[in-house]
N, C-alpha and C. Protein backbone atom coordinates (compact mmCIF):
# COMPACT_ATOMS: atom_id res chain seq x y z
N MET A 1 0.86 -1.26 -0.30
CA MET A 1 0.09 0.30 -0.03
C MET A 1 1.11 1.16 0.04
N GLY A 2 0.38 2.27 -0.65
CA GLY A 2 1.22 3.44 -0.53
C GLY A 2 0.50 5.04 -0.22
N LEU A 3 1.08 5.80 -0.49
CA LEU A 3 0.76 6.85 -0.13
C LEU A 3 -0.69 7.34 -0.41
N TYR A 4 -1.30 6.92 -1.13
CA TYR A 4 -2.62 7.25 -1.74
C TYR A 4 -4.03 6.17 -1.73
N ASP A 5 -3.29 5.15 -0.96
CA ASP A 5 -4.28 3.99 -1.00
C ASP A 5 -5.22 4.41 0.35
N ASP A 6 -6.43 3.63 0.18
CA ASP A 6 -7.28 3.55 1.32
C ASP A 6 -6.73 3.38 2.73
N LYS A 7 -6.33 1.87 2.54
CA LYS A 7 -5.61 1.63 3.83
C LYS A 7 -4.02 1.83 3.86
N PRO A 8 -3.60 2.42 4.85
CA PRO A 8 -2.26 2.94 4.50
C PRO A 8 -1.32 1.86 5.22
N GLU A 9 0.12 1.94 5.09
CA GLU A 9 0.98 1.14 5.37
C GLU A 9 1.38 1.34 6.80
N PRO A 10 1.61 0.74 7.64
CA PRO A 10 1.86 0.90 9.11
C PRO A 10 3.09 1.76 9.03
N LYS A 11 2.72 2.88 10.17
CA LYS A 11 3.95 3.98 10.21
C LYS A 11 5.50 3.18 10.51
N ALA A 12 5.49 2.06 10.84
CA ALA A 12 6.62 1.32 11.16
C ALA A 12 7.43 0.85 10.09
N GLU A 13 6.46 0.40 9.22
CA GLU A 13 6.82 -0.26 8.10
C GLU A 13 7.36 0.80 6.95
N VAL A 14 6.91 2.10 7.28
CA VAL A 14 7.40 3.06 6.45
C VAL A 14 8.57 3.31 7.02
N GLU A 15 8.94 3.85 8.27
CA GLU A 15 10.27 4.20 8.78
C GLU A 15 11.46 3.00 8.57
N GLN A 16 10.84 1.62 8.34
CA GLN A 16 11.80 1.09 8.24
C GLN A 16 12.37 0.84 6.47
N THR A 17 11.37 1.28 5.80
CA THR A 17 11.84 1.55 4.53
C THR A 17 12.98 2.79 4.16
N LEU A 18 12.42 4.22 4.99
CA LEU A 18 13.18 5.15 5.50
C LEU A 18 14.77 4.65 5.69
N HIS A 19 14.69 3.85 6.66
CA HIS A 19 16.16 3.71 6.95
C HIS A 19 16.66 2.87 6.08
N LYS A 20 16.44 1.96 5.34
CA LYS A 20 16.84 1.02 4.37
C LYS A 20 17.18 2.07 3.08
N CYS A 21 16.38 2.89 2.66
CA CYS A 21 16.75 4.04 1.94
C CYS A 21 18.00 4.69 2.00
N VAL A 22 18.18 4.88 3.34
CA VAL A 22 19.21 5.97 3.84
C VAL A 22 20.66 5.07 3.90
N ASN A 23 20.25 3.94 4.31
CA ASN A 23 21.72 2.95 4.43
C ASN A 23 22.24 2.84 2.99
N GLN A 24 21.19 2.34 2.21
CA GLN A 24 21.62 2.60 0.65
C GLN A 24 22.06 3.73 0.19
N LEU A 25 21.78 4.67 0.35
CA LEU A 25 22.21 5.84 0.06
C LEU A 25 23.67 6.14 0.26
N LYS A 26 23.91 5.70 1.92
CA LYS A 26 25.12 5.70 2.16
C LYS A 26 26.39 5.00 1.45
N GLU A 27 25.94 3.55 1.18
CA GLU A 27 26.69 2.58 0.82
C GLU A 27 27.09 3.57 -0.94
N LEU A 28 25.74 3.80 -2.04
CA LEU A 28 26.17 4.33 -2.90
C LEU A 28 27.05 5.81 -2.91
N ARG A 29 26.59 6.45 -2.10
CA ARG A 29 27.28 7.70 -1.81
C ARG A 29 28.04 8.07 -0.36
N PRO A 30 29.25 7.41 -0.18
CA PRO A 30 29.68 7.37 1.11
C PRO A 30 30.17 9.18 1.41
N ASP A 31 30.18 9.96 0.46
CA ASP A 31 30.72 11.05 0.81
C ASP A 31 30.03 11.74 1.30
N LEU A 32 28.29 11.44 1.24
CA LEU A 32 27.51 12.41 1.99
C LEU A 32 27.58 12.54 3.43
N ASN A 33 26.96 13.57 3.98
CA ASN A 33 27.20 13.47 5.19
C ASN A 33 25.83 13.48 5.88
N ILE A 34 25.42 12.25 6.02
CA ILE A 34 23.83 11.89 6.57
C ILE A 34 23.92 12.12 8.10
N GLU A 35 24.10 13.04 8.70
CA GLU A 35 24.19 13.01 9.96
C GLU A 35 23.14 13.06 11.19
N SER A 36 21.62 12.93 10.30
CA SER A 36 20.64 12.72 11.05
C SER A 36 19.29 12.06 10.44
N MET A 37 18.69 11.73 10.96
CA MET A 37 17.34 11.05 10.29
C MET A 37 16.05 12.11 10.32
N ASP A 38 16.19 13.12 10.53
CA ASP A 38 15.36 14.42 10.71
C ASP A 38 14.80 14.49 9.41
N LEU A 39 13.24 14.46 9.08
CA LEU A 39 12.64 14.48 7.70
C LEU A 39 13.24 15.88 6.88
N ASN A 40 13.33 16.97 7.63
CA ASN A 40 13.69 17.97 6.83
C ASN A 40 15.18 18.11 6.24
N HIS A 41 15.95 17.42 6.99
CA HIS A 41 17.44 17.35 6.66
C HIS A 41 17.72 16.16 5.36
N LEU A 42 16.66 15.30 5.64
CA LEU A 42 16.85 14.43 4.44
C LEU A 42 16.15 14.71 3.54
N HIS A 43 15.20 15.55 3.43
CA HIS A 43 14.63 16.06 1.95
C HIS A 43 15.54 17.42 1.70
N ASP A 44 16.24 17.96 2.28
CA ASP A 44 17.30 18.92 1.77
C ASP A 44 18.43 18.09 0.95
N LEU A 45 18.77 17.04 2.07
CA LEU A 45 19.89 16.08 1.20
C LEU A 45 19.14 15.56 -0.12
N PHE A 46 18.07 15.00 -0.13
CA PHE A 46 17.61 14.49 -1.44
C PHE A 46 17.46 15.70 -2.38
N ALA A 47 17.37 16.94 -2.22
CA ALA A 47 17.02 17.73 -3.35
C ALA A 47 18.35 18.45 -3.91
N SER A 48 19.53 18.48 -2.96
CA SER A 48 20.85 18.97 -3.41
C SER A 48 21.40 17.82 -4.26
N THR A 49 21.25 16.55 -3.37
CA THR A 49 21.89 15.27 -4.38
C THR A 49 21.07 15.18 -5.70
N HIS A 50 20.09 15.16 -5.75
CA HIS A 50 19.22 15.03 -6.78
C HIS A 50 19.76 16.08 -7.87
N TYR A 51 19.82 17.18 -7.36
CA TYR A 51 20.19 18.39 -8.33
C TYR A 51 21.63 18.22 -9.09
N GLU A 52 22.39 17.62 -8.19
CA GLU A 52 23.69 17.39 -8.70
C GLU A 52 23.58 16.51 -9.78
N LEU A 53 22.82 15.35 -9.41
CA LEU A 53 22.90 14.07 -10.27
C LEU A 53 22.22 14.50 -11.54
N GLN A 54 21.30 15.59 -11.75
CA GLN A 54 20.99 16.07 -13.09
C GLN A 54 22.13 16.85 -13.66
N LYS A 55 22.60 17.07 -13.19
CA LYS A 55 23.86 17.72 -13.69
C LYS A 55 24.93 17.15 -14.44
N GLU A 56 24.94 15.55 -14.17
CA GLU A 56 25.93 14.96 -14.67
C GLU A 56 25.51 14.58 -15.96
N LYS A 57 26.75 14.30 -17.18
CA LYS A 57 26.19 13.69 -18.18
C LYS A 57 25.67 12.42 -18.53
N TYR A 58 26.26 11.75 -17.25
CA TYR A 58 25.86 10.13 -17.51
C TYR A 58 25.48 10.02 -16.06
N PRO A 59 24.28 10.52 -15.70
CA PRO A 59 23.80 10.11 -14.26
C PRO A 59 23.40 8.82 -13.99
N SER A 60 23.71 8.26 -12.92
CA SER A 60 23.28 6.92 -12.04
C SER A 60 21.90 6.70 -12.08
N GLN A 61 21.38 5.54 -12.75
CA GLN A 61 19.91 5.32 -12.67
C GLN A 61 19.92 4.61 -11.42
N LYS A 62 20.43 3.99 -10.57
CA LYS A 62 20.55 3.41 -9.53
C LYS A 62 20.25 4.38 -8.66
N LEU A 63 21.19 5.38 -8.57
CA LEU A 63 20.89 6.87 -7.54
C LEU A 63 19.86 7.37 -7.59
N ASN A 64 19.30 7.54 -8.95
CA ASN A 64 18.18 8.41 -8.96
C ASN A 64 17.23 7.47 -8.77
N ASP A 65 16.89 6.67 -8.68
CA ASP A 65 15.81 5.55 -8.84
C ASP A 65 15.92 5.65 -7.20
N LEU A 66 16.95 5.42 -6.32
CA LEU A 66 17.13 5.35 -4.78
C LEU A 66 16.51 6.95 -3.97
N LEU A 67 16.74 7.98 -5.07
CA LEU A 67 16.47 9.38 -4.51
C LEU A 67 15.00 9.65 -4.74
N VAL A 68 14.73 8.89 -5.86
CA VAL A 68 12.79 9.18 -5.86
C VAL A 68 12.11 8.16 -4.67
N LYS A 69 12.62 7.37 -4.60
CA LYS A 69 12.26 6.74 -3.52
C LYS A 69 12.13 7.28 -1.80
N LEU A 70 13.32 7.49 -1.74
CA LEU A 70 13.65 8.31 -0.39
C LEU A 70 12.78 9.48 -0.38
N ASN A 71 12.64 10.23 -1.35
CA ASN A 71 12.02 11.44 -1.60
C ASN A 71 10.21 11.13 -1.34
N TYR A 72 9.88 9.94 -1.89
CA TYR A 72 8.28 9.34 -1.68
C TYR A 72 8.16 9.12 -0.30
N THR A 73 9.18 8.20 0.42
CA THR A 73 9.05 7.62 1.52
C THR A 73 9.05 8.65 2.69
N ILE A 74 9.82 9.88 2.04
CA ILE A 74 10.05 10.70 3.12
C ILE A 74 8.33 11.66 3.14
N HIS A 75 8.04 11.88 2.13
CA HIS A 75 6.44 12.27 2.16
C HIS A 75 5.40 11.33 2.61
N HIS A 76 5.56 10.19 2.36
CA HIS A 76 4.70 9.31 2.85
C HIS A 76 4.84 9.42 4.54
N LEU A 77 5.62 9.28 5.28
CA LEU A 77 5.90 9.37 6.32
C LEU A 77 5.23 10.45 7.19
N GLU A 78 5.52 11.93 6.30
CA GLU A 78 4.84 12.92 6.79
C GLU A 78 3.45 12.92 6.59
N ASP A 79 2.78 11.94 5.80
CA ASP A 79 1.23 12.36 5.47
C ASP A 79 0.66 11.57 6.54
N ILE A 80 1.63 10.27 6.86
CA ILE A 80 1.07 9.22 7.94
C ILE A 80 0.59 9.95 9.57
N THR A 81 2.01 11.20 9.30
CA THR A 81 2.35 11.80 10.78
C THR A 81 1.03 12.74 10.67
N ARG A 82 0.57 13.21 9.76
CA ARG A 82 -0.40 14.45 9.73
C ARG A 82 -1.81 13.49 9.90
N ARG A 83 -2.03 12.23 9.49
CA ARG A 83 -3.44 11.51 9.43
C ARG A 83 -3.35 11.07 11.19
N THR A 84 -2.29 10.92 11.77
CA THR A 84 -2.45 10.68 13.05
C THR A 84 -2.52 11.72 13.75
N GLY A 85 -2.09 12.66 13.75
CA GLY A 85 -2.48 14.29 14.29
C GLY A 85 -1.37 14.41 15.36
N ARG A 86 0.00 13.91 15.28
CA ARG A 86 1.13 14.19 15.61
C ARG A 86 2.02 14.58 14.91
N GLU A 87 2.67 15.63 15.61
CA GLU A 87 4.12 16.03 14.64
C GLU A 87 5.44 15.10 14.76
N LEU A 88 5.76 14.68 13.93
CA LEU A 88 7.06 13.86 13.88
C LEU A 88 8.59 14.33 13.13
N THR A 89 9.20 14.62 13.70
CA THR A 89 10.54 15.18 12.95
C THR A 89 11.29 14.41 12.97
N TYR A 90 11.68 13.34 13.94
CA TYR A 90 12.93 12.76 14.39
C TYR A 90 12.14 11.27 14.35
N ILE A 91 13.14 9.99 13.79
CA ILE A 91 12.50 8.93 14.16
C ILE A 91 13.82 8.03 14.50
């Protein structure tokens, strides 16, 4: 299930997906400074890394796909948080 399904995924599953994305990103780009699981920080990291990737002559499709998944997962977690009525910035 996803962001726009009637029955959303449990928050814990989405958090687990986020952690997997971050770990994969660390493997693909060990030069990135991922100092926090703060959703705002991760979204800024997504935006800057995606921007850099788009400037490359032959961008990595694997990295691009991972960044898209990271962005989707961040927004999905934010959506779940809004629906539960609690503000979540850190996981």
